[in-house]
Amino acid sequence: MITDHPRYTGSERETLGDLLSSNRAEILGLLEGLTEEQARRRLVPSLTTLLGLVKHASFAERVWFHVRLANRTRAEVGVPTQIDDSFRLDDSDTIASISAEFRQVCAESDRIAAAYDLDHVARDERRGGVSLRWMYAHMIEELARHAGHGDILREQILAADQSG
């Protein structure tokens, strides 16, 4: 689910789901009203662009929910092995295609997570076992961090285009 209208009361599961959903909405909002050129514009030495941030968010959702929680392989779900590759854009990547992919990936993440309780432990190569509760908290943290990065990039892009 992706919504920017979370409930402010509810169970732990509802609260975690709503906070994740709200951060997903923030990630999608990074692209609202932009041109394709603006969404692809690089302002930093890394591969980070606004469109790349949303593409990377799909990668993170897949790694945590589709691979680790559902116990599928990266190859099965089309996840690159190198994080930098999750930011790389190809010619077919557009605001519409990347946004639609993110929505689809998040819906699948929600379907996967619904089958498990928060105490379910999934295997992680670096950390050993991680609970679904931890995965929710980590994804909230991950998306919030990247939404903040994106806010700064978006502000710079829009300011530069207004002044120029």
Protein backbone atom coordinates (compact mmCIF):
# COMPACT_ATOMS: atom_id res chain seq x y z
CA MET A 1 0.00 0.00 0.00
CA ILE A 2 1.12 3.54 -0.70
CA THR A 3 -0.73 6.34 1.06
CA ASP A 4 0.22 9.61 2.66
CA HIS A 5 -2.69 9.41 5.11
CA PRO A 6 -1.56 7.09 7.91
CA ARG A 7 -3.70 6.25 10.90
CA TYR A 8 -2.41 7.65 14.16
CA THR A 9 -3.73 4.83 16.28
CA GLY A 10 -3.70 1.11 15.67
CA SER A 11 -1.87 -2.08 16.33
CA GLU A 12 1.87 -2.35 16.02
CA ARG A 13 1.46 -4.03 12.63
CA GLU A 14 -0.89 -1.32 11.39
CA THR A 15 1.44 1.42 12.63
CA LEU A 16 4.50 -0.09 10.96
CA GLY A 17 2.57 -0.67 7.73
CA ASP A 18 1.20 2.87 7.73
CA LEU A 19 4.62 4.43 8.36
CA LEU A 20 6.12 2.35 5.57
CA SER A 21 3.27 3.31 3.27
CA SER A 22 3.70 6.98 4.07
CA ASN A 23 7.41 6.82 3.25
CA ARG A 24 6.61 5.03 -0.01
CA ALA A 25 4.33 7.94 -0.89
CA GLU A 26 7.17 10.37 -0.14
CA ILE A 27 9.45 8.44 -2.50
CA LEU A 28 6.88 8.55 -5.31
CA GLY A 29 6.25 12.22 -4.62
CA LEU A 30 9.83 13.01 -5.55
CA LEU A 31 8.89 12.62 -9.22
CA GLU A 32 5.62 14.54 -9.22
CA GLY A 33 5.48 17.32 -11.77
CA LEU A 34 9.00 16.78 -13.08
CA THR A 35 10.14 16.42 -16.66
CA GLU A 36 12.04 13.31 -17.68
CA GLU A 37 15.21 15.39 -17.90
CA GLN A 38 14.75 16.76 -14.38
CA ALA A 39 14.12 13.28 -12.98
CA ARG A 40 17.36 12.02 -14.57
CA ARG A 41 19.53 15.04 -13.75
CA ARG A 42 22.68 14.23 -11.74
CA LEU A 43 23.78 16.81 -9.21
CA VAL A 44 26.19 14.65 -7.22
CA PRO A 45 29.17 12.49 -8.23
CA SER A 46 27.32 9.25 -7.40
CA LEU A 47 24.65 7.66 -9.61
CA THR A 48 21.95 9.29 -7.46
CA THR A 49 19.15 10.97 -9.41
CA LEU A 50 15.51 11.38 -8.45
CA LEU A 51 14.47 8.66 -10.89
CA GLY A 52 17.35 6.49 -9.67
CA LEU A 53 16.22 6.90 -6.06
CA VAL A 54 12.78 5.52 -6.89
CA LYS A 55 14.36 2.69 -8.87
CA HIS A 56 16.62 1.95 -5.89
CA ALA A 57 13.60 1.95 -3.56
CA SER A 58 12.13 -0.88 -5.66
CA PHE A 59 15.42 -2.71 -5.28
CA ALA A 60 15.33 -2.33 -1.48
CA GLU A 61 11.72 -3.56 -1.30
CA ARG A 62 12.64 -6.59 -3.39
CA VAL A 63 15.75 -7.43 -1.37
CA TRP A 64 13.96 -7.35 1.97
CA PHE A 65 10.50 -8.64 1.21
CA HIS A 66 10.77 -10.62 -2.03
CA VAL A 67 14.20 -12.19 -1.46
CA ARG A 68 14.78 -12.42 2.27
CA LEU A 69 11.23 -12.78 3.56
CA ALA A 70 9.82 -14.87 0.69
CA ASN A 71 13.10 -16.82 0.45
CA ARG A 72 13.48 -16.29 -3.28
CA THR A 73 16.74 -15.68 -5.11
CA ARG A 74 17.89 -12.34 -6.45
CA ALA A 75 17.84 -13.85 -9.93
CA GLU A 76 14.20 -14.91 -9.53
CA VAL A 77 13.09 -11.38 -8.72
CA GLY A 78 15.56 -9.54 -10.97
CA VAL A 79 17.62 -7.88 -8.25
CA PRO A 80 21.17 -6.83 -9.12
CA THR A 81 23.97 -8.01 -6.87
CA GLN A 82 25.64 -4.59 -6.71
CA ILE A 83 23.80 -1.73 -5.00
CA ASP A 84 25.11 0.83 -7.51
CA ASP A 85 23.32 -1.07 -10.27
CA SER A 86 20.01 -0.39 -8.54
CA PHE A 87 20.47 3.33 -9.29
CA ARG A 88 21.50 2.87 -12.95
CA LEU A 89 18.98 4.07 -15.48
CA ASP A 90 18.58 2.74 -18.97
CA ASP A 91 16.86 4.39 -21.93
CA SER A 92 13.55 2.64 -21.24
CA ASP A 93 13.32 3.98 -17.67
CA THR A 94 10.76 6.78 -17.45
CA ILE A 95 8.90 8.48 -14.65
CA ALA A 96 5.81 6.46 -15.59
CA SER A 97 7.59 3.11 -15.86
CA ILE A 98 9.66 3.46 -12.68
CA SER A 99 6.65 4.76 -10.70
CA ALA A 100 4.46 1.88 -11.91
CA GLU A 101 7.19 -0.63 -11.09
CA PHE A 102 7.55 0.80 -7.58
CA ARG A 103 3.80 0.57 -6.98
CA GLN A 104 3.75 -3.03 -8.21
CA VAL A 105 6.78 -4.01 -6.14
CA CYS A 106 5.26 -2.45 -3.00
CA ALA A 107 1.95 -4.24 -3.55
CA GLU A 108 3.83 -7.53 -3.86
CA SER A 109 5.87 -6.71 -0.73
CA ASP A 110 2.62 -6.16 1.18
CA ARG A 111 1.17 -9.46 -0.07
CA ILE A 112 4.32 -11.31 0.97
CA ALA A 113 4.54 -9.66 4.41
CA ALA A 114 0.85 -10.32 5.15
CA ALA A 115 1.59 -14.06 5.35
CA TYR A 116 3.99 -13.64 8.28
CA ASP A 117 3.75 -12.35 11.82
CA LEU A 118 6.10 -9.65 13.05
CA ASP A 119 8.19 -12.16 15.00
CA HIS A 120 8.93 -14.26 11.91
CA VAL A 121 12.69 -14.47 11.40
CA ALA A 122 14.20 -14.43 7.93
CA ARG A 123 17.80 -15.19 7.05
CA ASP A 124 20.15 -12.32 6.24
CA GLU A 125 23.70 -13.00 5.07
CA ARG A 126 25.28 -10.19 7.10
CA ARG A 127 23.08 -10.08 10.17
CA GLY A 128 21.99 -13.67 10.63
CA GLY A 129 18.31 -13.73 11.48
CA VAL A 130 16.15 -10.62 11.24
CA SER A 131 12.51 -10.33 12.24
CA LEU A 132 9.79 -8.98 10.01
CA ARG A 133 9.37 -6.25 12.64
CA TRP A 134 13.00 -5.24 12.07
CA MET A 135 12.50 -5.33 8.28
CA TYR A 136 9.60 -2.90 8.57
CA ALA A 137 11.66 -0.57 10.77
CA HIS A 138 14.63 -0.84 8.42
CA MET A 139 12.54 -0.10 5.31
CA ILE A 140 10.92 2.89 7.04
CA GLU A 141 14.41 4.16 7.86
CA GLU A 142 15.75 3.42 4.35
CA LEU A 143 12.93 5.13 2.50
CA ALA A 144 12.89 8.13 4.86
CA ARG A 145 16.63 8.63 4.33
CA HIS A 146 16.28 8.48 0.55
CA ALA A 147 13.21 10.71 0.55
CA GLY A 148 15.34 13.29 2.39
CA HIS A 149 18.10 12.97 -0.20
CA GLY A 150 15.49 13.36 -2.91
CA ASP A 151 13.93 16.41 -1.29
CA ILE A 152 17.28 18.19 -1.44
CA LEU A 153 17.92 17.18 -5.06
CA ARG A 154 14.39 18.18 -6.08
CA GLU A 155 14.74 21.58 -4.38
CA GLN A 156 18.03 22.19 -6.22
CA ILE A 157 16.60 21.15 -9.59
CA LEU A 158 13.46 23.25 -9.28
CA ALA A 159 15.40 26.29 -8.00
CA ALA A 160 17.93 26.06 -10.83
CA ASP A 161 15.20 25.77 -13.46
CA GLN A 162 13.26 28.74 -12.04
CA SER A 163 16.30 30.98 -11.98
CA GLY A 164 17.62 29.97 -15.36
